[in-house]
């Protein structure tokens, strides 16, 4: 009886070791090293994979004010606003970069409670990408 329990325990340990591990999520400092947050941000969520990260925050400011904040910010320092558009849901989407990974900012009115939701998305640059190449938009 004891040898069969030991075999069962060894089998369970082996199966546990062989199971798929959850994919590693990109670190904040890798994908969003200089993340500019909107006025009075409140953390909502974080998601991503090994090569990209998205952080969502809520700001009490209106969507137009937050969009204006980011437009002004992306004219300072090393930031460069590459593109601005409206998506199918009417959200303002900005694509910018600094000396480092690209940054996508999606700004939309919060569905309840007023304010604005801001999705900040960044990609981890590989060694080949960081060799002075401009990120694709």
Protein backbone atom coordinates (compact mmCIF):
# COMPACT_ATOMS: atom_id res chain seq x y z
CA UNK A 1 0.00 0.00 0.00
CA UNK A 2 2.77 2.48 0.86
CA UNK A 3 4.69 1.92 -2.44
CA UNK A 4 1.51 2.66 -4.45
CA UNK A 5 1.00 5.91 -2.50
CA UNK A 6 4.58 6.90 -3.25
CA UNK A 7 4.08 6.13 -6.97
CA UNK A 8 0.87 8.18 -6.94
CA UNK A 9 2.67 11.11 -5.29
CA UNK A 10 5.55 10.92 -7.81
CA UNK A 11 3.04 10.84 -10.68
CA UNK A 12 1.20 13.88 -9.32
CA UNK A 13 4.45 15.84 -8.92
CA UNK A 14 5.55 14.89 -12.45
CA UNK A 15 2.22 15.98 -13.94
CA UNK A 16 2.31 19.25 -12.04
CA UNK A 17 5.81 19.95 -13.35
CA UNK A 18 4.76 19.22 -16.94
CA UNK A 19 1.67 21.45 -17.06
CA UNK A 20 1.72 24.61 -19.13
CA UNK A 21 2.95 27.59 -17.24
CA UNK A 22 1.13 30.91 -17.56
CA UNK A 23 2.85 33.22 -20.06
CA UNK A 24 5.14 35.79 -18.55
CA UNK A 25 3.73 39.33 -18.57
CA UNK A 26 5.95 42.19 -19.71
CA UNK A 27 7.31 44.32 -16.88
CA UNK A 28 6.11 47.92 -16.57
CA UNK A 29 9.64 49.30 -16.91
CA UNK A 30 10.14 47.33 -20.16
CA UNK A 31 6.93 48.19 -22.05
CA UNK A 32 6.02 51.52 -20.45
CA UNK A 33 9.25 52.96 -19.02
CA UNK A 34 8.15 56.60 -19.09
CA UNK A 35 4.41 56.15 -18.75
CA UNK A 36 2.70 59.53 -18.54
CA UNK A 37 -0.41 59.26 -16.39
CA UNK A 38 -3.46 61.54 -16.79
CA UNK A 39 -4.54 63.97 -14.05
CA UNK A 40 -5.53 62.23 -10.76
CA UNK A 41 -5.30 58.66 -12.10
CA UNK A 42 -6.92 55.67 -10.39
CA UNK A 43 -5.71 52.21 -11.37
CA UNK A 44 -8.35 50.05 -13.12
CA UNK A 45 -6.55 47.07 -14.68
CA UNK A 46 -3.40 45.63 -16.20
CA UNK A 47 -3.11 43.02 -18.95
CA UNK A 48 -0.60 41.82 -21.51
CA UNK A 49 1.86 39.19 -22.53
CA UNK A 50 5.64 38.85 -22.76
CA UNK A 51 5.97 41.48 -25.52
CA UNK A 52 3.31 44.07 -24.63
CA UNK A 53 1.51 45.58 -21.68
CA UNK A 54 -1.70 47.57 -21.26
CA UNK A 55 -2.55 49.56 -18.16
CA UNK A 56 -5.99 51.13 -17.78
CA UNK A 57 -6.58 54.07 -15.44
CA UNK A 58 -9.54 56.33 -14.71
CA UNK A 59 -9.26 60.11 -14.46
CA UNK A 60 -11.97 62.39 -13.09
CA UNK A 61 -11.20 64.86 -15.90
CA UNK A 62 -13.32 64.85 -19.06
CA UNK A 63 -12.18 63.01 -22.18
CA UNK A 64 -11.50 66.25 -24.10
CA UNK A 65 -9.36 67.61 -21.25
CA UNK A 66 -7.38 64.35 -21.02
CA UNK A 67 -6.83 64.30 -24.80
CA UNK A 68 -5.61 67.92 -24.66
CA UNK A 69 -3.29 66.99 -21.77
CA UNK A 70 -1.67 64.21 -23.84
CA UNK A 71 -1.42 66.33 -27.00
CA UNK A 72 0.44 69.02 -25.00
CA UNK A 73 2.62 66.44 -23.25
CA UNK A 74 3.65 64.83 -26.54
CA UNK A 75 5.02 68.21 -27.72
CA UNK A 76 7.50 68.37 -24.81
CA UNK A 77 10.82 66.74 -24.04
CA UNK A 78 11.72 63.84 -26.28
CA UNK A 79 8.10 62.88 -26.99
CA UNK A 80 6.82 62.89 -30.54
CA UNK A 81 3.15 62.47 -31.43
CA UNK A 82 3.16 60.30 -34.55
CA UNK A 83 -0.56 59.81 -35.13
CA UNK A 84 -4.00 60.71 -33.77
CA UNK A 85 -7.29 59.13 -34.79
CA UNK A 86 -10.79 58.27 -33.62
CA UNK A 87 -11.66 54.59 -33.44
CA UNK A 88 -15.01 52.95 -34.29
CA UNK A 89 -16.25 53.58 -30.73
CA UNK A 90 -15.40 57.28 -30.86
CA UNK A 91 -12.36 57.04 -28.57
CA UNK A 92 -9.35 59.23 -29.26
CA UNK A 93 -6.27 57.11 -30.02
CA UNK A 94 -2.80 58.66 -29.90
CA UNK A 95 0.43 57.01 -31.00
CA UNK A 96 3.63 58.55 -29.66
CA UNK A 97 7.18 57.57 -28.88
CA UNK A 98 10.11 58.82 -26.92
CA UNK A 99 13.63 57.43 -26.72
CA UNK A 100 12.34 53.92 -26.11
CA UNK A 101 9.26 51.82 -26.67
CA UNK A 102 6.24 53.19 -28.56
CA UNK A 103 3.16 54.27 -26.60
CA UNK A 104 -0.48 54.00 -27.61
CA UNK A 105 -3.00 56.02 -25.59
CA UNK A 106 -6.74 55.36 -25.98
CA UNK A 107 -8.99 57.96 -24.32
CA UNK A 108 -12.73 57.43 -23.87
CA UNK A 109 -15.49 58.65 -21.57
CA UNK A 110 -15.97 56.28 -18.63
CA UNK A 111 -19.19 54.26 -18.97
CA UNK A 112 -20.43 55.05 -15.46
CA UNK A 113 -19.61 57.61 -12.85
CA UNK A 114 -18.18 60.25 -15.17
CA UNK A 115 -14.57 60.88 -15.88
CA UNK A 116 -12.40 59.21 -18.48
CA UNK A 117 -10.83 55.82 -19.04
CA UNK A 118 -7.30 55.86 -20.42
CA UNK A 119 -5.66 52.74 -21.84
CA UNK A 120 -1.87 53.02 -22.02
CA UNK A 121 -0.28 50.32 -24.19
CA UNK A 122 3.39 49.71 -24.79
CA UNK A 123 5.56 47.12 -26.51
CA UNK A 124 8.84 45.67 -25.34
CA UNK A 125 11.59 46.49 -27.82
CA UNK A 126 14.00 43.72 -28.70
CA UNK A 127 17.72 44.43 -28.98
CA UNK A 128 17.35 44.65 -32.78
CA UNK A 129 14.44 47.11 -32.47
CA UNK A 130 16.26 49.42 -30.10
CA UNK A 131 19.15 49.97 -32.53
CA UNK A 132 17.80 53.33 -33.62
CA UNK A 133 14.94 51.99 -35.65
CA UNK A 134 11.70 53.95 -35.55
CA UNK A 135 8.70 51.94 -34.26
CA UNK A 136 6.05 51.07 -36.85
CA UNK A 137 2.65 52.67 -36.44
